[in-house]
Amino acid sequence: MAAKSAWAAFPHDAKGYAYAGDALKKAWPKLHAGDTEAYPDAKRAAALIAAAGKAAPKGLDADALASALQDAWRAFHRGDFKAAFDAGEALGPVGASVAVKALGIHATYLVDDEAEKLKRYEHAAKLAEAAVKALPDEANSHYRHAFALGRYSQGLSIAKALKAGIAGKVRAALDSTLELAPKHAEAHTAMALYHAEIIGKVGAMIGGLTYGAKAAEADKHIKTALKLTPDSPIAYIEQGNVLMLLHGDKQEDAAAAAYEKAAKLKPIDAMEALDGAYARAQLE
């Protein structure tokens, strides 16, 4: 991974996002409405240790693992993405969900160098791949893989991304996520984007014939995501992106309205604060 200095600090006030002690458990359903991540109490930690088998972190019992995962997620929510990533990565596949999310969100919003971004998404994809092998029944093993690969492919030329077969891998990972967790709002959002980006890049006909991409599917998935997470800025941001990809200037006003909605929502953690700032920047 990159040197410590490459982890730009969270640029907003994080005071409201410190979920110390029991506050984390209380806020968890709201904090994880988008990714359906289960709260890592000791029972959940024991199940992860059993499921991961040889890939489980060494020398940690369920209580210690639960505590380590909770602290990693606390760091993520308050915008200490480096601490969240380091803690998650140290736990191997069992910590991949928080590690990949921290690495990916930080790279998306706080890394300017395009080559560095790609390197980080690639690293995130490898961590997620190991999690898919060790914990195939976890929806977020597959979702984080789709997320990392999707972000990685956005940084490549469309020809390169299609040649590397990334679209098919993203699609398969999202299908697996939604089979395991039909109410995974972020996976619905990503699936909407999958359909819209392919159509936006190669057109409706080739997109439909070659990749099964359909505008109606993009529309259906983004509506599901908004229904599941009506207070999530990223769902509205991606709704705006989907409208622009599918309809261009014809839907500019509707896209702007979606960004505006995202910009006005009250963030509940560092990630949502970054989402909201991004939405505001789109409107300027």
C-alpha atoms as a PDB file:
ATOM      1  CA  MET A   1       0.000   0.000   0.000  1.00  0.00           C
ATOM      2  CA  ALA A   2       0.937   3.633  -0.460  1.00  0.00           C
ATOM      3  CA  ALA A   3       2.966   5.494   2.118  1.00  0.00           C
ATOM      4  CA  LYS A   4       1.189   6.880   5.161  1.00  0.00           C
ATOM      5  CA  SER A   5       1.371  10.418   3.766  1.00  0.00           C
ATOM      6  CA  ALA A   6      -0.881   9.403   0.876  1.00  0.00           C
ATOM      7  CA  TRP A   7      -3.898   9.066   3.175  1.00  0.00           C
ATOM      8  CA  ALA A   8      -5.431  12.528   2.918  1.00  0.00           C
ATOM      9  CA  ALA A   9      -7.390  13.350   6.061  1.00  0.00           C
ATOM     10  CA  PHE A  10     -11.185  13.570   6.121  1.00  0.00           C
ATOM     11  CA  PRO A  11     -11.740  17.249   5.280  1.00  0.00           C
ATOM     12  CA  HIS A  12     -14.932  17.923   7.274  1.00  0.00           C
ATOM     13  CA  ASP A  13     -15.869  18.140  10.933  1.00  0.00           C
ATOM     14  CA  ALA A  14     -16.200  14.543  12.159  1.00  0.00           C
ATOM     15  CA  LYS A  15     -17.520  15.329  15.653  1.00  0.00           C
ATOM     16  CA  GLY A  16     -21.033  14.128  14.895  1.00  0.00           C
ATOM     17  CA  TYR A  17     -19.776  10.827  13.519  1.00  0.00           C
ATOM     18  CA  ALA A  18     -17.971   9.363  16.534  1.00  0.00           C
ATOM     19  CA  TYR A  19     -20.096   6.373  17.491  1.00  0.00           C
ATOM     20  CA  ALA A  20     -18.424   5.523  20.777  1.00  0.00           C
ATOM     21  CA  GLY A  21     -19.524   2.604  22.968  1.00  0.00           C
ATOM     22  CA  ASP A  22     -23.168   1.579  22.560  1.00  0.00           C
ATOM     23  CA  ALA A  23     -23.874   4.446  20.167  1.00  0.00           C
ATOM     24  CA  LEU A  24     -22.520   2.321  17.309  1.00  0.00           C
ATOM     25  CA  LYS A  25     -24.997  -0.504  17.858  1.00  0.00           C
ATOM     26  CA  LYS A  26     -27.867   1.946  18.207  1.00  0.00           C
ATOM     27  CA  ALA A  27     -27.053   3.773  14.971  1.00  0.00           C
ATOM     28  CA  TRP A  28     -26.059   0.604  13.074  1.00  0.00           C
ATOM     29  CA  PRO A  29     -29.378  -0.038  11.239  1.00  0.00           C
ATOM     30  CA  LYS A  30     -29.230   3.498   9.817  1.00  0.00           C
ATOM     31  CA  LEU A  31     -25.507   3.464   9.138  1.00  0.00           C
ATOM     32  CA  HIS A  32     -25.759   0.173   7.244  1.00  0.00           C
ATOM     33  CA  ALA A  33     -29.157   0.507   5.576  1.00  0.00           C
ATOM     34  CA  GLY A  34     -27.321   0.634   2.243  1.00  0.00           C
ATOM     35  CA  ASP A  35     -25.050  -2.400   2.552  1.00  0.00           C
ATOM     36  CA  THR A  36     -27.014  -4.647   4.974  1.00  0.00           C
ATOM     37  CA  GLU A  37     -23.772  -5.375   6.892  1.00  0.00           C
ATOM     38  CA  ALA A  38     -24.632  -7.305  10.079  1.00  0.00           C
ATOM     39  CA  TYR A  39     -23.659  -5.730  13.406  1.00  0.00           C
ATOM     40  CA  PRO A  40     -20.420  -7.431  14.540  1.00  0.00           C
ATOM     41  CA  ASP A  41     -21.344  -8.612  18.024  1.00  0.00           C
ATOM     42  CA  ALA A  42     -19.714 -11.713  19.558  1.00  0.00           C
ATOM     43  CA  LYS A  43     -22.317 -14.062  18.069  1.00  0.00           C
ATOM     44  CA  ARG A  44     -21.733 -12.685  14.589  1.00  0.00           C
ATOM     45  CA  ALA A  45     -17.949 -12.821  15.112  1.00  0.00           C
ATOM     46  CA  ALA A  46     -18.172 -16.484  16.159  1.00  0.00           C
ATOM     47  CA  ALA A  47     -20.156 -17.269  13.006  1.00  0.00           C
ATOM     48  CA  LEU A  48     -17.546 -15.493  10.853  1.00  0.00           C
ATOM     49  CA  ILE A  49     -14.689 -17.405  12.532  1.00  0.00           C
ATOM     50  CA  ALA A  50     -16.493 -20.706  11.906  1.00  0.00           C
ATOM     51  CA  ALA A  51     -17.329 -19.843   8.299  1.00  0.00           C
ATOM     52  CA  ALA A  52     -13.829 -18.579   7.438  1.00  0.00           C
ATOM     53  CA  GLY A  53     -12.109 -21.681   8.841  1.00  0.00           C
ATOM     54  CA  LYS A  54      -8.384 -21.517   8.053  1.00  0.00           C
ATOM     55  CA  ALA A  55      -8.786 -17.962   6.728  1.00  0.00           C
ATOM     56  CA  ALA A  56     -10.040 -16.705  10.108  1.00  0.00           C
ATOM     57  CA  PRO A  57      -7.695 -14.328  11.963  1.00  0.00           C
ATOM     58  CA  LYS A  58      -5.309 -16.238  14.226  1.00  0.00           C
ATOM     59  CA  GLY A  59      -5.428 -15.972  17.991  1.00  0.00           C
ATOM     60  CA  LEU A  60      -8.680 -14.028  18.270  1.00  0.00           C
ATOM     61  CA  ASP A  61     -11.753 -15.372  20.024  1.00  0.00           C
ATOM     62  CA  ALA A  62     -15.246 -14.153  19.178  1.00  0.00           C
ATOM     63  CA  ASP A  63     -15.215 -11.335  21.752  1.00  0.00           C
ATOM     64  CA  ALA A  64     -11.844 -10.015  20.608  1.00  0.00           C
ATOM     65  CA  LEU A  65     -12.860 -10.193  16.940  1.00  0.00           C
ATOM     66  CA  ALA A  66     -16.159  -8.440  17.642  1.00  0.00           C
ATOM     67  CA  SER A  67     -14.342  -5.654  19.434  1.00  0.00           C
ATOM     68  CA  ALA A  68     -11.770  -5.305  16.610  1.00  0.00           C
ATOM     69  CA  LEU A  69     -14.489  -5.162  13.931  1.00  0.00           C
ATOM     70  CA  GLN A  70     -16.541  -2.635  15.881  1.00  0.00           C
ATOM     71  CA  ASP A  71     -13.485  -0.397  16.270  1.00  0.00           C
ATOM     72  CA  ALA A  72     -12.666  -0.687  12.564  1.00  0.00           C
ATOM     73  CA  TRP A  73     -16.215   0.346  11.637  1.00  0.00           C
ATOM     74  CA  ARG A  74     -16.122   3.205  14.177  1.00  0.00           C
ATOM     75  CA  ALA A  75     -12.986   4.476  12.443  1.00  0.00           C
ATOM     76  CA  PHE A  76     -14.696   4.188   9.056  1.00  0.00           C
ATOM     77  CA  HIS A  77     -17.803   6.086  10.113  1.00  0.00           C
ATOM     78  CA  ARG A  78     -15.828   8.954  11.662  1.00  0.00           C
ATOM     79  CA  GLY A  79     -13.685   9.297   8.531  1.00  0.00           C
ATOM     80  CA  ASP A  80     -10.455   7.773   9.809  1.00  0.00           C
ATOM     81  CA  PHE A  81     -10.241   5.677   6.673  1.00  0.00           C
ATOM     82  CA  LYS A  82      -6.621   4.661   7.119  1.00  0.00           C
ATOM     83  CA  ALA A  83      -7.247   3.232  10.602  1.00  0.00           C
ATOM     84  CA  ALA A  84     -10.366   1.426   9.312  1.00  0.00           C
ATOM     85  CA  PHE A  85      -8.438  -0.008   6.370  1.00  0.00           C
ATOM     86  CA  ASP A  86      -5.436  -1.102   8.446  1.00  0.00           C
ATOM     87  CA  ALA A  87      -7.622  -2.744  11.092  1.00  0.00           C
ATOM     88  CA  GLY A  88      -9.771  -4.500   8.496  1.00  0.00           C
ATOM     89  CA  GLU A  89      -6.860  -5.696   6.386  1.00  0.00           C
ATOM     90  CA  ALA A  90      -5.116  -7.104   9.473  1.00  0.00           C
ATOM     91  CA  LEU A  91      -8.144  -9.382  10.037  1.00  0.00           C
ATOM     92  CA  GLY A  92      -7.843 -10.965   6.581  1.00  0.00           C
ATOM     93  CA  PRO A  93     -11.014 -11.985   4.710  1.00  0.00           C
ATOM     94  CA  VAL A  94     -13.088 -11.499   7.882  1.00  0.00           C
ATOM     95  CA  GLY A  95     -12.138  -7.807   7.910  1.00  0.00           C
ATOM     96  CA  ALA A  96     -12.309  -7.330   4.140  1.00  0.00           C
ATOM     97  CA  SER A  97     -15.761  -5.721   4.170  1.00  0.00           C
ATOM     98  CA  VAL A  98     -14.608  -2.720   6.220  1.00  0.00           C
ATOM     99  CA  ALA A  99     -11.122  -2.660   4.638  1.00  0.00           C
ATOM    100  CA  VAL A 100     -12.448  -2.536   1.066  1.00  0.00           C
ATOM    101  CA  LYS A 101     -15.123   0.015   1.901  1.00  0.00           C
ATOM    102  CA  ALA A 102     -12.596   2.288   3.650  1.00  0.00           C
ATOM    103  CA  LEU A 103     -10.019   1.970   0.863  1.00  0.00           C
ATOM    104  CA  GLY A 104     -12.618   2.457  -1.865  1.00  0.00           C
ATOM    105  CA  ILE A 105     -14.426   5.449  -0.384  1.00  0.00           C
ATOM    106  CA  HIS A 106     -11.143   7.164   0.463  1.00  0.00           C
ATOM    107  CA  ALA A 107      -9.795   6.583  -3.068  1.00  0.00           C
ATOM    108  CA  THR A 108     -13.034   7.788  -4.658  1.00  0.00           C
ATOM    109  CA  TYR A 109     -13.131  11.110  -2.845  1.00  0.00           C
ATOM    110  CA  LEU A 110      -9.725  11.878  -1.329  1.00  0.00           C
ATOM    111  CA  VAL A 111      -7.121  10.603  -3.815  1.00  0.00           C
ATOM    112  CA  ASP A 112      -6.510  12.914  -6.786  1.00  0.00           C
ATOM    113  CA  ASP A 113      -3.841  10.973  -8.635  1.00  0.00           C
ATOM    114  CA  GLU A 114      -5.568   8.699 -11.175  1.00  0.00           C
ATOM    115  CA  ALA A 115      -2.791   6.078 -11.235  1.00  0.00           C
ATOM    116  CA  GLU A 116      -2.820   5.916  -7.433  1.00  0.00           C
ATOM    117  CA  LYS A 117      -6.620   5.538  -7.460  1.00  0.00           C
ATOM    118  CA  LEU A 118      -6.394   2.587  -9.847  1.00  0.00           C
ATOM    119  CA  LYS A 119      -3.714   0.948  -7.709  1.00  0.00           C
ATOM    120  CA  ARG A 120      -5.949   1.200  -4.661  1.00  0.00           C
ATOM    121  CA  TYR A 121      -9.033  -0.158  -6.409  1.00  0.00           C
ATOM    122  CA  GLU A 122      -6.936  -3.054  -7.660  1.00  0.00           C
ATOM    123  CA  HIS A 123      -5.733  -3.750  -4.129  1.00  0.00           C
ATOM    124  CA  ALA A 124      -9.323  -3.534  -2.856  1.00  0.00           C
ATOM    125  CA  ALA A 125     -10.461  -5.998  -5.532  1.00  0.00           C
ATOM    126  CA  LYS A 126      -7.792  -8.497  -4.420  1.00  0.00           C
ATOM    127  CA  LEU A 127      -8.894  -8.252  -0.780  1.00  0.00           C
ATOM    128  CA  ALA A 128     -12.517  -8.750  -1.828  1.00  0.00           C
ATOM    129  CA  GLU A 129     -11.568 -11.715  -4.014  1.00  0.00           C
ATOM    130  CA  ALA A 130      -9.986 -13.423  -1.001  1.00  0.00           C
ATOM    131  CA  ALA A 131     -13.175 -12.726   0.960  1.00  0.00           C
ATOM    132  CA  VAL A 132     -15.299 -14.298  -1.802  1.00  0.00           C
ATOM    133  CA  LYS A 133     -13.170 -17.447  -1.517  1.00  0.00           C
ATOM    134  CA  ALA A 134     -13.241 -17.565   2.293  1.00  0.00           C
ATOM    135  CA  LEU A 135     -16.782 -16.280   2.902  1.00  0.00           C
ATOM    136  CA  PRO A 136     -18.848 -17.019  -0.225  1.00  0.00           C
ATOM    137  CA  ASP A 137     -22.140 -16.873   1.706  1.00  0.00           C
ATOM    138  CA  GLU A 138     -21.554 -13.271   2.767  1.00  0.00           C
ATOM    139  CA  ALA A 139     -23.364 -10.850   0.430  1.00  0.00           C
ATOM    140  CA  ASN A 140     -20.747  -8.180   1.058  1.00  0.00           C
ATOM    141  CA  SER A 141     -17.859 -10.417  -0.039  1.00  0.00           C
ATOM    142  CA  HIS A 142     -19.420 -10.268  -3.508  1.00  0.00           C
ATOM    143  CA  TYR A 143     -20.613  -6.678  -3.274  1.00  0.00           C
ATOM    144  CA  ARG A 144     -17.213  -5.273  -2.253  1.00  0.00           C
ATOM    145  CA  HIS A 145     -15.695  -7.199  -5.152  1.00  0.00           C
ATOM    146  CA  ALA A 146     -18.194  -5.631  -7.570  1.00  0.00           C
ATOM    147  CA  PHE A 147     -17.618  -2.191  -6.034  1.00  0.00           C
ATOM    148  CA  ALA A 148     -13.814  -2.367  -6.309  1.00  0.00           C
ATOM    149  CA  LEU A 149     -13.860  -3.770  -9.857  1.00  0.00           C
ATOM    150  CA  GLY A 150     -16.512  -1.268 -10.942  1.00  0.00           C
ATOM    151  CA  ARG A 151     -14.514   1.688  -9.637  1.00  0.00           C
ATOM    152  CA  TYR A 152     -11.367   0.244 -11.206  1.00  0.00           C
ATOM    153  CA  SER A 153     -13.045  -0.112 -14.593  1.00  0.00           C
ATOM    154  CA  GLN A 154     -14.325   3.489 -14.437  1.00  0.00           C
ATOM    155  CA  GLY A 155     -10.677   4.579 -14.417  1.00  0.00           C
ATOM    156  CA  LEU A 156      -9.839   2.603 -17.561  1.00  0.00           C
ATOM    157  CA  SER A 157     -10.802   3.344 -21.135  1.00  0.00           C
ATOM    158  CA  ILE A 158     -14.040   1.566 -22.077  1.00  0.00           C
ATOM    159  CA  ALA A 159     -12.152  -0.536 -24.660  1.00  0.00           C
ATOM    160  CA  LYS A 160      -9.666  -1.669 -22.007  1.00  0.00           C
ATOM    161  CA  ALA A 161     -12.346  -2.424 -19.426  1.00  0.00           C
ATOM    162  CA  LEU A 162     -14.448  -4.437 -21.879  1.00  0.00           C
ATOM    163  CA  LYS A 163     -11.406  -6.268 -23.239  1.00  0.00           C
ATOM    164  CA  ALA A 164     -10.437  -7.269 -19.685  1.00  0.00           C
ATOM    165  CA  GLY A 165     -13.928  -8.725 -19.213  1.00  0.00           C
ATOM    166  CA  ILE A 166     -14.530  -6.600 -16.133  1.00  0.00           C
ATOM    167  CA  ALA A 167     -18.178  -5.904 -16.981  1.00  0.00           C
ATOM    168  CA  GLY A 168     -19.043  -9.608 -16.793  1.00  0.00           C
ATOM    169  CA  LYS A 169     -17.259  -9.986 -13.450  1.00  0.00           C
ATOM    170  CA  VAL A 170     -19.031  -6.969 -11.969  1.00  0.00           C
ATOM    171  CA  ARG A 171     -22.378  -8.275 -13.196  1.00  0.00           C
ATOM    172  CA  ALA A 172     -21.749 -11.761 -11.752  1.00  0.00           C
ATOM    173  CA  ALA A 173     -20.671 -10.321  -8.392  1.00  0.00           C
ATOM    174  CA  LEU A 174     -23.778  -8.097  -8.215  1.00  0.00           C
ATOM    175  CA  ASP A 175     -26.026 -11.021  -9.159  1.00  0.00           C
ATOM    176  CA  SER A 176     -24.488 -13.056  -6.317  1.00  0.00           C
ATOM    177  CA  THR A 177     -24.946 -10.140  -3.890  1.00  0.00           C
ATOM    178  CA  LEU A 178     -28.626  -9.708  -4.714  1.00  0.00           C
ATOM    179  CA  GLU A 179     -29.282 -13.449  -4.552  1.00  0.00           C
ATOM    180  CA  LEU A 180     -27.907 -13.481  -1.009  1.00  0.00           C
ATOM    181  CA  ALA A 181     -29.351 -10.088   0.010  1.00  0.00           C
ATOM    182  CA  PRO A 182     -32.292  -8.964  -2.151  1.00  0.00           C
ATOM    183  CA  LYS A 183     -32.594  -5.738  -0.125  1.00  0.00           C
ATOM    184  CA  HIS A 184     -28.970  -4.667  -0.623  1.00  0.00           C
ATOM    185  CA  ALA A 185     -29.614  -1.062  -1.705  1.00  0.00           C
ATOM    186  CA  GLU A 186     -26.016  -0.336  -2.727  1.00  0.00           C
ATOM    187  CA  ALA A 187     -25.993  -3.409  -4.963  1.00  0.00           C
ATOM    188  CA  HIS A 188     -29.230  -2.227  -6.613  1.00  0.00           C
ATOM    189  CA  THR A 189     -27.593   1.177  -7.156  1.00  0.00           C
ATOM    190  CA  ALA A 190     -24.490  -0.475  -8.632  1.00  0.00           C
ATOM    191  CA  MET A 191     -26.635  -2.682 -10.876  1.00  0.00           C
ATOM    192  CA  ALA A 192     -28.488   0.392 -12.178  1.00  0.00           C
ATOM    193  CA  LEU A 193     -25.132   1.972 -12.952  1.00  0.00           C
ATOM    194  CA  TYR A 194     -23.907  -1.216 -14.640  1.00  0.00           C
ATOM    195  CA  HIS A 195     -26.788  -1.107 -17.143  1.00  0.00           C
ATOM    196  CA  ALA A 196     -26.595   2.660 -17.637  1.00  0.00           C
ATOM    197  CA  GLU A 197     -22.812   2.864 -18.072  1.00  0.00           C
ATOM    198  CA  ILE A 198     -22.699   0.158 -20.712  1.00  0.00           C
ATOM    199  CA  ILE A 199     -25.548   1.751 -22.668  1.00  0.00           C
ATOM    200  CA  GLY A 200     -23.916   5.156 -22.224  1.00  0.00           C
ATOM    201  CA  LYS A 201     -20.617   3.833 -23.604  1.00  0.00           C
ATOM    202  CA  VAL A 202     -21.555   1.374 -26.376  1.00  0.00           C
ATOM    203  CA  GLY A 203     -25.193   2.250 -27.114  1.00  0.00           C
ATOM    204  CA  ALA A 204     -28.451   0.461 -26.380  1.00  0.00           C
ATOM    205  CA  MET A 205     -28.230  -2.090 -29.187  1.00  0.00           C
ATOM    206  CA  ILE A 206     -24.716  -3.453 -28.621  1.00  0.00           C
ATOM    207  CA  GLY A 207     -25.138  -3.003 -24.866  1.00  0.00           C
ATOM    208  CA  GLY A 208     -28.289  -5.097 -24.941  1.00  0.00           C
ATOM    209  CA  LEU A 209     -27.048  -7.794 -27.284  1.00  0.00           C
ATOM    210  CA  THR A 210     -23.554  -8.216 -25.852  1.00  0.00           C
ATOM    211  CA  TYR A 211     -23.948  -7.410 -22.164  1.00  0.00           C
ATOM    212  CA  GLY A 212     -27.675  -7.726 -21.511  1.00  0.00           C
ATOM    213  CA  ALA A 213     -27.750  -4.054 -20.532  1.00  0.00           C
ATOM    214  CA  LYS A 214     -31.230  -2.515 -20.522  1.00  0.00           C
ATOM    215  CA  ALA A 215     -32.397   1.001 -19.708  1.00  0.00           C
ATOM    216  CA  ALA A 216     -35.539  -0.402 -18.066  1.00  0.00           C
ATOM    217  CA  GLU A 217     -33.372  -2.490 -15.707  1.00  0.00           C
ATOM    218  CA  ALA A 218     -31.287   0.551 -14.754  1.00  0.00           C
ATOM    219  CA  ASP A 219     -34.498   2.415 -13.971  1.00  0.00           C
ATOM    220  CA  LYS A 220     -35.932  -0.472 -11.949  1.00  0.00           C
ATOM    221  CA  HIS A 221     -32.794  -0.968  -9.831  1.00  0.00           C
ATOM    222  CA  ILE A 222     -32.291   2.713  -9.017  1.00  0.00           C
ATOM    223  CA  LYS A 223     -35.952   3.006  -7.979  1.00  0.00           C
ATOM    224  CA  THR A 224     -35.521  -0.019  -5.686  1.00  0.00           C
ATOM    225  CA  ALA A 225     -32.409   1.530  -4.127  1.00  0.00           C
ATOM    226  CA  LEU A 226     -34.243   4.812  -3.469  1.00  0.00           C
ATOM    227  CA  LYS A 227     -37.148   2.951  -1.929  1.00  0.00           C
ATOM    228  CA  LEU A 228     -34.834   0.955   0.367  1.00  0.00           C
ATOM    229  CA  THR A 229     -32.689   3.963   1.356  1.00  0.00           C
ATOM    230  CA  PRO A 230     -34.686   7.182   0.907  1.00  0.00           C
ATOM    231  CA  ASP A 231     -32.214   9.100   3.107  1.00  0.00           C
ATOM    232  CA  SER A 232     -29.047   7.982   1.340  1.00  0.00           C
ATOM    233  CA  PRO A 233     -27.185  10.663  -0.638  1.00  0.00           C
ATOM    234  CA  ILE A 234     -25.399   8.144  -2.863  1.00  0.00           C
ATOM    235  CA  ALA A 235     -28.678   6.691  -4.142  1.00  0.00           C
ATOM    236  CA  TYR A 236     -29.731  10.139  -5.397  1.00  0.00           C
ATOM    237  CA  ILE A 237     -26.270  10.919  -6.799  1.00  0.00           C
ATOM    238  CA  GLU A 238     -26.312   7.703  -8.813  1.00  0.00           C
ATOM    239  CA  GLN A 239     -29.905   8.371  -9.880  1.00  0.00           C
ATOM    240  CA  GLY A 240     -28.602  11.615 -11.386  1.00  0.00           C
ATOM    241  CA  ASN A 241     -25.697   9.769 -13.017  1.00  0.00           C
ATOM    242  CA  VAL A 242     -28.008   7.100 -14.457  1.00  0.00           C
ATOM    243  CA  LEU A 243     -30.292   9.770 -15.955  1.00  0.00           C
ATOM    244  CA  MET A 244     -27.338  11.536 -17.580  1.00  0.00           C
ATOM    245  CA  LEU A 245     -25.842   8.290 -18.916  1.00  0.00           C
ATOM    246  CA  LEU A 246     -29.113   7.134 -20.439  1.00  0.00           C
ATOM    247  CA  HIS A 247     -30.641  10.421 -21.604  1.00  0.00           C
ATOM    248  CA  GLY A 248     -27.903  13.066 -21.609  1.00  0.00           C
ATOM    249  CA  ASP A 249     -29.037  16.692 -21.720  1.00  0.00           C
ATOM    250  CA  LYS A 250     -32.684  15.696 -22.128  1.00  0.00           C
ATOM    251  CA  GLN A 251     -32.795  14.745 -18.449  1.00  0.00           C
ATOM    252  CA  GLU A 252     -30.382  17.383 -17.154  1.00  0.00           C
ATOM    253  CA  ASP A 253     -33.001  19.040 -14.939  1.00  0.00           C
ATOM    254  CA  ALA A 254     -34.096  15.738 -13.385  1.00  0.00           C
ATOM    255  CA  ALA A 255     -30.447  14.805 -12.770  1.00  0.00           C
ATOM    256  CA  ALA A 256     -29.787  18.200 -11.147  1.00  0.00           C
ATOM    257  CA  ALA A 257     -32.842  17.683  -8.920  1.00  0.00           C
ATOM    258  CA  ALA A 258     -31.436  14.319  -7.819  1.00  0.00           C
ATOM    259  CA  TYR A 259     -28.023  15.862  -6.987  1.00  0.00           C
ATOM    260  CA  GLU A 260     -29.814  18.647  -5.113  1.00  0.00           C
ATOM    261  CA  LYS A 261     -31.699  16.120  -3.031  1.00  0.00           C
ATOM    262  CA  ALA A 262     -28.397  14.361  -2.204  1.00  0.00           C
ATOM    263  CA  ALA A 263     -26.782  17.674  -1.269  1.00  0.00           C
ATOM    264  CA  LYS A 264     -29.568  18.556   1.178  1.00  0.00           C
ATOM    265  CA  LEU A 265     -29.707  15.274   3.122  1.00  0.00           C
ATOM    266  CA  LYS A 266     -28.186  15.329   6.592  1.00  0.00           C
ATOM    267  CA  PRO A 267     -25.159  12.999   6.586  1.00  0.00           C
ATOM    268  CA  ILE A 268     -24.921  10.387   9.349  1.00  0.00           C
ATOM    269  CA  ASP A 269     -21.268   9.529   8.830  1.00  0.00           C
ATOM    270  CA  ALA A 270     -18.099  10.595   7.028  1.00  0.00           C
ATOM    271  CA  MET A 271     -18.960   8.712   3.839  1.00  0.00           C
ATOM    272  CA  GLU A 272     -22.328  10.475   3.538  1.00  0.00           C
ATOM    273  CA  ALA A 273     -20.647  13.814   4.245  1.00  0.00           C
ATOM    274  CA  LEU A 274     -18.305  13.156   1.298  1.00  0.00           C
ATOM    275  CA  ASP A 275     -21.235  12.057  -0.875  1.00  0.00           C
ATOM    276  CA  GLY A 276     -23.097  15.260  -0.036  1.00  0.00           C
ATOM    277  CA  ALA A 277     -20.045  17.447  -0.772  1.00  0.00           C
ATOM    278  CA  TYR A 278     -19.666  15.690  -4.127  1.00  0.00           C
ATOM    279  CA  ALA A 279     -23.325  16.330  -4.956  1.00  0.00           C
ATOM    280  CA  ARG A 280     -22.915  20.034  -4.108  1.00  0.00           C
ATOM    281  CA  ALA A 281     -19.848  20.224  -6.364  1.00  0.00           C
ATOM    282  CA  GLN A 282     -21.870  18.759  -9.261  1.00  0.00           C
ATOM    283  CA  LEU A 283     -24.376  21.588  -8.915  1.00  0.00           C
ATOM    284  CA  GLU A 284     -21.819  24.403  -9.002  1.00  0.00           C
END
